[in-house]
């Protein structure tokens, strides 16, 4: 499923030109969160550098939003995990 499909599944609103430019960071807004979707076939490593970028991007969009990362792992059977502040 694409980022757009995941956002629709979550009921989130997609950001225009996500990841490009200075102001429309993140992939989608959902409730009080700015969600960054990441897909991987088998594994995904999260470290302080990656989480720091997600937080910085969120605050560039709106300091009232909270950063969130949604991981979609697997080729056929998907495992969906969320990391939130």
C-alpha atoms as a PDB file:
ATOM      1  CA  UNK A   1       0.000   0.000   0.000  1.00  0.00           C
ATOM      2  CA  UNK A   2       1.241   3.499  -0.746  1.00  0.00           C
ATOM      3  CA  UNK A   3       1.633   6.388   1.704  1.00  0.00           C
ATOM      4  CA  UNK A   4      -1.581   7.821   0.269  1.00  0.00           C
ATOM      5  CA  UNK A   5      -3.352   4.502   0.857  1.00  0.00           C
ATOM      6  CA  UNK A   6      -2.083   4.275   4.431  1.00  0.00           C
ATOM      7  CA  UNK A   7      -3.132   7.864   5.143  1.00  0.00           C
ATOM      8  CA  UNK A   8      -6.605   7.147   3.754  1.00  0.00           C
ATOM      9  CA  UNK A   9      -6.789   3.974   5.855  1.00  0.00           C
ATOM     10  CA  UNK A  10      -5.933   6.065   8.941  1.00  0.00           C
ATOM     11  CA  UNK A  11      -8.302   8.896   8.055  1.00  0.00           C
ATOM     12  CA  UNK A  12      -5.343  11.302   7.811  1.00  0.00           C
ATOM     13  CA  UNK A  13      -5.050  14.291   5.472  1.00  0.00           C
ATOM     14  CA  UNK A  14      -2.088  14.168   3.077  1.00  0.00           C
ATOM     15  CA  UNK A  15       0.400  17.042   3.038  1.00  0.00           C
ATOM     16  CA  UNK A  16       1.032  18.738  -0.332  1.00  0.00           C
ATOM     17  CA  UNK A  17       4.517  17.986  -1.696  1.00  0.00           C
ATOM     18  CA  UNK A  18       5.485  16.180   1.498  1.00  0.00           C
ATOM     19  CA  UNK A  19       9.219  16.173   2.114  1.00  0.00           C
ATOM     20  CA  UNK A  20       9.863  18.949  -0.406  1.00  0.00           C
ATOM     21  CA  UNK A  21      10.356  22.560   0.561  1.00  0.00           C
ATOM     22  CA  UNK A  22      10.472  24.050   4.028  1.00  0.00           C
ATOM     23  CA  UNK A  23       6.890  23.997   5.255  1.00  0.00           C
ATOM     24  CA  UNK A  24       5.001  20.897   4.115  1.00  0.00           C
ATOM     25  CA  UNK A  25       7.048  18.286   5.937  1.00  0.00           C
ATOM     26  CA  UNK A  26       5.736  14.888   6.960  1.00  0.00           C
ATOM     27  CA  UNK A  27       3.338  12.792   4.936  1.00  0.00           C
ATOM     28  CA  UNK A  28      -0.021  13.466   6.574  1.00  0.00           C
ATOM     29  CA  UNK A  29      -1.830  15.193   9.434  1.00  0.00           C
ATOM     30  CA  UNK A  30      -3.956  13.047  11.709  1.00  0.00           C
ATOM     31  CA  UNK A  31      -5.643  14.538  14.782  1.00  0.00           C
ATOM     32  CA  UNK A  32      -2.832  16.335  16.654  1.00  0.00           C
ATOM     33  CA  UNK A  33      -0.051  14.393  14.887  1.00  0.00           C
ATOM     34  CA  UNK A  34       2.121  14.920  11.832  1.00  0.00           C
ATOM     35  CA  UNK A  35       2.670  11.381  10.567  1.00  0.00           C
ATOM     36  CA  UNK A  36       5.705  10.209   8.608  1.00  0.00           C
ATOM     37  CA  UNK A  37       5.017   6.861   6.888  1.00  0.00           C
ATOM     38  CA  UNK A  38       7.885   4.422   6.295  1.00  0.00           C
ATOM     39  CA  UNK A  39       7.564   1.101   4.490  1.00  0.00           C
ATOM     40  CA  UNK A  40      10.056  -1.757   4.612  1.00  0.00           C
ATOM     41  CA  UNK A  41       9.973  -5.326   3.346  1.00  0.00           C
ATOM     42  CA  UNK A  42      11.625  -6.928   6.396  1.00  0.00           C
ATOM     43  CA  UNK A  43      13.020  -4.422   8.887  1.00  0.00           C
ATOM     44  CA  UNK A  44      13.453  -0.747   9.650  1.00  0.00           C
ATOM     45  CA  UNK A  45      16.033   0.795  11.955  1.00  0.00           C
ATOM     46  CA  UNK A  46      15.078   3.806  13.990  1.00  0.00           C
ATOM     47  CA  UNK A  47      17.731   5.806  15.787  1.00  0.00           C
ATOM     48  CA  UNK A  48      18.047   9.226  17.410  1.00  0.00           C
ATOM     49  CA  UNK A  49      19.033  10.896  14.114  1.00  0.00           C
ATOM     50  CA  UNK A  50      15.914   9.653  12.309  1.00  0.00           C
ATOM     51  CA  UNK A  51      13.602  10.527  15.213  1.00  0.00           C
ATOM     52  CA  UNK A  52      15.235  13.962  15.550  1.00  0.00           C
ATOM     53  CA  UNK A  53      14.517  14.717  11.875  1.00  0.00           C
ATOM     54  CA  UNK A  54      10.886  13.646  12.270  1.00  0.00           C
ATOM     55  CA  UNK A  55      10.549  15.946  15.310  1.00  0.00           C
ATOM     56  CA  UNK A  56      12.247  18.875  13.547  1.00  0.00           C
ATOM     57  CA  UNK A  57      10.051  18.466  10.462  1.00  0.00           C
ATOM     58  CA  UNK A  58       6.934  18.400  12.650  1.00  0.00           C
ATOM     59  CA  UNK A  59       7.855  21.622  14.439  1.00  0.00           C
ATOM     60  CA  UNK A  60       8.573  23.339  11.115  1.00  0.00           C
ATOM     61  CA  UNK A  61       4.977  22.640  10.063  1.00  0.00           C
ATOM     62  CA  UNK A  62       3.199  23.459  13.326  1.00  0.00           C
ATOM     63  CA  UNK A  63       4.571  23.623  16.859  1.00  0.00           C
ATOM     64  CA  UNK A  64       1.186  22.467  18.160  1.00  0.00           C
ATOM     65  CA  UNK A  65       1.458  19.115  16.353  1.00  0.00           C
ATOM     66  CA  UNK A  66       3.151  16.031  17.764  1.00  0.00           C
ATOM     67  CA  UNK A  67       5.574  13.895  15.727  1.00  0.00           C
ATOM     68  CA  UNK A  68       4.508  10.384  14.757  1.00  0.00           C
ATOM     69  CA  UNK A  69       6.150   7.651  12.718  1.00  0.00           C
ATOM     70  CA  UNK A  70       4.093   4.830  11.229  1.00  0.00           C
ATOM     71  CA  UNK A  71       6.080   1.793  10.147  1.00  0.00           C
ATOM     72  CA  UNK A  72       4.611  -0.694   7.701  1.00  0.00           C
ATOM     73  CA  UNK A  73       6.760  -3.820   7.641  1.00  0.00           C
ATOM     74  CA  UNK A  74       6.293  -6.890   5.456  1.00  0.00           C
ATOM     75  CA  UNK A  75       5.780  -7.904   1.847  1.00  0.00           C
ATOM     76  CA  UNK A  76       2.437  -9.715   2.060  1.00  0.00           C
ATOM     77  CA  UNK A  77       1.294  -9.772   5.669  1.00  0.00           C
ATOM     78  CA  UNK A  78       1.810  -6.238   6.932  1.00  0.00           C
ATOM     79  CA  UNK A  79       2.787  -5.331  10.470  1.00  0.00           C
ATOM     80  CA  UNK A  80       1.845  -1.751  11.315  1.00  0.00           C
ATOM     81  CA  UNK A  81       3.571  -0.001  14.209  1.00  0.00           C
ATOM     82  CA  UNK A  82       3.383   3.580  15.425  1.00  0.00           C
ATOM     83  CA  UNK A  83       6.022   5.567  17.282  1.00  0.00           C
ATOM     84  CA  UNK A  84       4.696   8.738  18.881  1.00  0.00           C
ATOM     85  CA  UNK A  85       6.060  11.385  21.188  1.00  0.00           C
END
